[in-house]
């Protein structure tokens, strides 16, 4: 019911194409942005979840302890819901989910309400989980934290006005262009003079940053060389040619 949709289709493929609905839910798992409140200790809830999947006795205790350690929850194993931060609640949900050994994990805004450090830790956890040798898993997540997510993602799908844009396809279309983001100690006229010999298609100024569009795949190095030659102080420079950030230019 959580995965009910209004229109369209959902396609997936597992080794067993005829699995029952209950078994499918153990393979295809969804974690919403706002997870429901639970009662009791973190460890007791994990043990209950394991028992729900027919893991009992000593195996239950061992597997639960392994998950607590794996997700960095040992110091919080006796905490209840109200004593955990949003980041550790998400780690708990991941630990509970991985008791099932799923094949596909869907996450809705897992970075919402997390501070920068917690975001980095969760993304690192997700990347490591996807590369697990014992239980490799496909992870699909939605997020508005585009620049953080793109660092760990294999593929990125950007939605604009309900229409999907594949970043890889966009990059292939513009493979001879460079998009450079700059924070420099000069005005626009001085910048234009410094890079006048380059094939500049566009210069934007947004939020205190210049964004250059250049007809050269090696534009980043050319721009930096030109700025240095003209003694322009560079506070920040980034090649966003392969970044989702260029879609906002």
Protein backbone atom coordinates (compact mmCIF):
# COMPACT_ATOMS: atom_id res chain seq x y z
CA UNK A 1 0.00 0.00 0.00
CA UNK A 2 2.88 2.39 0.72
CA UNK A 3 4.02 1.99 -2.89
CA UNK A 4 0.59 2.60 -4.46
CA UNK A 5 0.86 4.99 -7.41
CA UNK A 6 -1.63 7.04 -9.42
CA UNK A 7 -0.46 6.14 -12.92
CA UNK A 8 2.40 4.65 -14.90
CA UNK A 9 4.11 1.31 -14.37
CA UNK A 10 6.74 -0.25 -12.12
CA UNK A 11 9.10 -2.83 -13.58
CA UNK A 12 11.55 -4.98 -11.65
CA UNK A 13 13.32 -8.29 -12.15
CA UNK A 14 14.31 -10.95 -9.61
CA UNK A 15 15.56 -14.49 -10.06
CA UNK A 16 12.19 -15.78 -8.85
CA UNK A 17 9.60 -14.00 -10.99
CA UNK A 18 6.64 -15.75 -9.28
CA UNK A 19 7.32 -14.92 -5.63
CA UNK A 20 4.42 -14.30 -3.27
CA UNK A 21 3.49 -10.75 -2.22
CA UNK A 22 5.01 -11.20 1.26
CA UNK A 23 8.28 -12.49 -0.17
CA UNK A 24 8.33 -9.61 -2.65
CA UNK A 25 8.15 -7.13 0.22
CA UNK A 26 11.29 -8.63 1.72
CA UNK A 27 13.14 -8.14 -1.59
CA UNK A 28 11.76 -4.74 -2.61
CA UNK A 29 11.86 -2.46 0.44
CA UNK A 30 10.71 1.14 0.87
CA UNK A 31 11.78 3.56 3.63
CA UNK A 32 9.70 6.77 3.72
CA UNK A 33 11.05 10.17 4.72
CA UNK A 34 8.99 10.20 7.92
CA UNK A 35 9.23 6.80 9.55
CA UNK A 36 6.61 5.74 12.11
CA UNK A 37 7.37 6.05 15.81
CA UNK A 38 8.25 2.86 17.67
CA UNK A 39 8.26 2.01 21.39
CA UNK A 40 10.83 0.30 23.57
CA UNK A 41 14.58 0.13 23.02
CA UNK A 42 16.34 0.18 19.67
CA UNK A 43 17.75 -3.32 20.21
CA UNK A 44 14.40 -4.80 21.26
CA UNK A 45 12.79 -3.41 18.12
CA UNK A 46 15.49 -4.97 15.93
CA UNK A 47 15.11 -8.31 17.72
CA UNK A 48 11.33 -8.14 17.18
CA UNK A 49 11.83 -7.36 13.49
CA UNK A 50 14.21 -10.33 13.14
CA UNK A 51 11.70 -12.62 14.86
CA UNK A 52 9.06 -11.39 12.42
CA UNK A 53 11.26 -12.85 9.67
CA UNK A 54 11.55 -16.20 11.50
CA UNK A 55 15.01 -15.50 12.95
CA UNK A 56 14.90 -16.76 16.53
CA UNK A 57 17.03 -17.81 19.47
CA UNK A 58 20.77 -17.36 19.36
CA UNK A 59 20.70 -16.49 15.68
CA UNK A 60 18.35 -13.60 16.44
CA UNK A 61 20.66 -12.22 19.13
CA UNK A 62 23.75 -12.60 16.93
CA UNK A 63 22.24 -11.06 13.81
CA UNK A 64 20.72 -8.17 15.76
CA UNK A 65 24.05 -7.41 17.43
CA UNK A 66 25.82 -7.56 14.07
CA UNK A 67 23.40 -5.04 12.58
CA UNK A 68 23.75 -2.72 15.57
CA UNK A 69 27.53 -2.74 15.18
CA UNK A 70 27.42 -2.51 11.39
CA UNK A 71 25.35 0.67 11.46
CA UNK A 72 27.22 2.33 14.34
CA UNK A 73 24.33 1.98 16.80
CA UNK A 74 26.09 0.21 19.68
CA UNK A 75 26.11 3.25 21.99
CA UNK A 76 22.40 3.74 21.28
CA UNK A 77 21.19 0.14 21.53
CA UNK A 78 19.20 0.82 24.72
CA UNK A 79 17.83 4.19 23.58
CA UNK A 80 14.20 4.75 22.67
CA UNK A 81 12.71 6.79 19.82
CA UNK A 82 12.76 10.14 21.60
CA UNK A 83 16.45 9.79 22.48
CA UNK A 84 17.67 9.38 18.90
CA UNK A 85 18.54 12.07 16.36
CA UNK A 86 17.08 11.97 12.83
CA UNK A 87 20.36 10.53 11.54
CA UNK A 88 20.34 7.62 13.95
CA UNK A 89 16.65 6.97 13.35
CA UNK A 90 17.55 6.56 9.67
CA UNK A 91 20.41 4.21 10.62
CA UNK A 92 17.96 2.19 12.69
CA UNK A 93 15.61 1.92 9.71
CA UNK A 94 18.49 0.72 7.53
CA UNK A 95 19.51 -1.85 10.15
CA UNK A 96 15.94 -3.11 10.43
CA UNK A 97 15.62 -3.24 6.65
CA UNK A 98 18.82 -5.24 6.18
CA UNK A 99 17.58 -7.98 8.48
CA UNK A 100 15.52 -8.98 5.42
CA UNK A 101 18.50 -9.09 3.03
CA UNK A 102 16.65 -7.06 0.36
CA UNK A 103 17.64 -6.78 -3.29
CA UNK A 104 16.26 -3.30 -4.01
CA UNK A 105 15.95 -0.43 -1.53
CA UNK A 106 13.84 2.67 -2.22
CA UNK A 107 14.52 5.73 -0.06
CA UNK A 108 12.42 8.90 0.01
CA UNK A 109 14.51 11.95 1.02
CA UNK A 110 16.87 10.10 3.40
CA UNK A 111 18.96 13.27 3.89
CA UNK A 112 16.06 15.51 4.95
CA UNK A 113 16.46 17.09 8.39
CA UNK A 114 20.04 15.83 8.72
CA UNK A 115 23.05 18.06 9.35
CA UNK A 116 25.96 18.01 6.89
CA UNK A 117 27.99 15.45 8.85
CA UNK A 118 25.01 13.10 9.21
CA UNK A 119 24.29 13.42 5.47
CA UNK A 120 27.85 12.43 4.62
CA UNK A 121 27.74 9.44 6.98
CA UNK A 122 24.43 8.16 5.60
CA UNK A 123 25.63 8.51 2.00
CA UNK A 124 28.84 6.66 2.85
CA UNK A 125 26.78 3.90 4.47
CA UNK A 126 24.54 3.61 1.41
CA UNK A 127 27.50 3.44 -0.98
CA UNK A 128 29.15 0.71 1.09
CA UNK A 129 25.89 -1.26 1.28
CA UNK A 130 25.42 -1.14 -2.47
CA UNK A 131 28.93 -2.58 -2.93
CA UNK A 132 28.54 -5.35 -0.34
CA UNK A 133 30.06 -8.66 -1.43
CA UNK A 134 27.75 -10.78 0.74
CA UNK A 135 24.49 -9.03 -0.17
CA UNK A 136 24.82 -6.56 -3.08
CA UNK A 137 21.81 -4.30 -3.36
CA UNK A 138 20.40 -1.73 -5.74
CA UNK A 139 19.55 1.57 -4.04
CA UNK A 140 17.23 4.19 -5.49
CA UNK A 141 16.81 7.43 -3.59
CA UNK A 142 15.09 10.74 -4.10
CA UNK A 143 16.75 13.86 -2.75
CA UNK A 144 16.96 17.60 -3.14
CA UNK A 145 20.57 17.49 -1.91
CA UNK A 146 21.77 17.07 -5.49
CA UNK A 147 25.42 17.98 -5.11
CA UNK A 148 25.98 15.64 -2.16
CA UNK A 149 24.13 12.71 -3.74
CA UNK A 150 25.87 12.91 -7.12
CA UNK A 151 29.23 12.14 -5.48
CA UNK A 152 28.11 8.61 -4.56
CA UNK A 153 25.59 7.87 -7.33
CA UNK A 154 26.17 5.70 -10.41
CA UNK A 155 23.29 7.26 -12.34
CA UNK A 156 21.31 10.46 -11.86
CA UNK A 157 17.81 11.22 -13.12
CA UNK A 158 16.75 14.86 -12.81
CA UNK A 159 13.06 15.78 -12.82
CA UNK A 160 12.07 19.21 -14.10
CA UNK A 161 8.37 20.09 -14.42
CA UNK A 162 7.62 16.38 -14.18
CA UNK A 163 9.87 15.48 -17.10
CA UNK A 164 12.97 13.30 -16.60
CA UNK A 165 16.42 14.33 -17.76
CA UNK A 166 19.28 11.83 -17.73
CA UNK A 167 22.46 13.65 -16.80
CA UNK A 168 24.57 11.18 -18.78
CA UNK A 169 22.57 11.89 -21.95
CA UNK A 170 22.83 15.64 -21.39
CA UNK A 171 26.59 15.35 -20.91
CA UNK A 172 26.89 13.36 -24.15
CA UNK A 173 25.01 16.08 -26.03
CA UNK A 174 27.33 18.78 -24.68
CA UNK A 175 30.56 16.77 -24.56
CA UNK A 176 32.49 19.59 -26.30
CA UNK A 177 31.37 22.18 -23.77
CA UNK A 178 32.67 23.07 -20.32
CA UNK A 179 30.72 24.63 -17.47
CA UNK A 180 32.85 26.40 -14.87
CA UNK A 181 31.73 27.88 -11.54
CA UNK A 182 33.92 30.65 -10.13
CA UNK A 183 34.23 32.91 -7.14
CA UNK A 184 36.91 35.45 -8.06
CA UNK A 185 38.15 38.80 -6.82
CA UNK A 186 37.29 40.96 -9.85
CA UNK A 187 34.32 42.44 -11.69
CA UNK A 188 32.65 41.07 -14.80
CA UNK A 189 34.51 43.44 -17.15
CA UNK A 190 37.90 42.32 -15.79
CA UNK A 191 36.82 38.68 -16.12
CA UNK A 192 35.75 39.21 -19.74
CA UNK A 193 39.09 40.78 -20.58
CA UNK A 194 41.06 37.95 -18.94
CA UNK A 195 39.25 35.24 -20.91
CA UNK A 196 38.67 37.18 -24.15
CA UNK A 197 40.78 34.69 -26.15
CA UNK A 198 38.57 31.76 -25.15
CA UNK A 199 35.38 30.64 -26.90
CA UNK A 200 32.99 31.84 -24.20
CA UNK A 201 29.35 31.18 -25.04
CA UNK A 202 27.80 32.55 -21.87
CA UNK A 203 28.63 34.25 -18.57
CA UNK A 204 26.06 34.20 -15.75
CA UNK A 205 26.30 35.68 -12.28
CA UNK A 206 24.17 33.91 -9.69
CA UNK A 207 24.40 34.02 -5.91
CA UNK A 208 27.83 35.66 -5.91
CA UNK A 209 29.25 33.11 -8.35
CA UNK A 210 30.16 33.37 -12.04
CA UNK A 211 29.14 30.44 -14.23
CA UNK A 212 30.92 30.21 -17.59
CA UNK A 213 29.88 28.12 -20.59
CA UNK A 214 32.87 27.47 -22.87
CA UNK A 215 33.18 25.77 -26.25
CA UNK A 216 36.09 23.58 -25.24
CA UNK A 217 36.13 20.26 -23.38
CA UNK A 218 39.30 21.40 -21.59
CA UNK A 219 37.80 24.74 -20.62
CA UNK A 220 38.44 24.41 -16.88
CA UNK A 221 42.24 24.38 -17.26
CA UNK A 222 42.14 27.14 -19.87
CA UNK A 223 40.11 29.44 -17.63
CA UNK A 224 42.32 28.85 -14.61
CA UNK A 225 45.44 29.54 -16.69
CA UNK A 226 43.94 32.77 -18.04
CA UNK A 227 42.94 33.99 -14.58
CA UNK A 228 46.35 33.21 -13.09
CA UNK A 229 48.12 34.94 -16.02
CA UNK A 230 46.06 38.08 -15.34
CA UNK A 231 46.76 37.99 -11.58
CA UNK A 232 43.11 37.50 -10.69
CA UNK A 233 42.63 36.00 -7.25
CA UNK A 234 40.65 32.73 -7.36
CA UNK A 235 38.63 32.07 -4.21
CA UNK A 236 36.79 29.02 -5.54
CA UNK A 237 36.68 27.15 -8.84
CA UNK A 238 34.79 24.03 -9.84
CA UNK A 239 34.22 22.21 -13.11
CA UNK A 240 30.48 21.45 -13.05
CA UNK A 241 30.36 19.96 -16.56
CA UNK A 242 29.49 16.53 -15.13
CA UNK A 243 27.40 17.89 -12.26
CA UNK A 244 23.66 18.28 -11.83
CA UNK A 245 24.40 21.89 -10.97
CA UNK A 246 24.87 22.73 -14.65
CA UNK A 247 21.19 21.91 -15.21
CA UNK A 248 20.33 25.06 -13.30
CA UNK A 249 22.43 27.28 -15.54
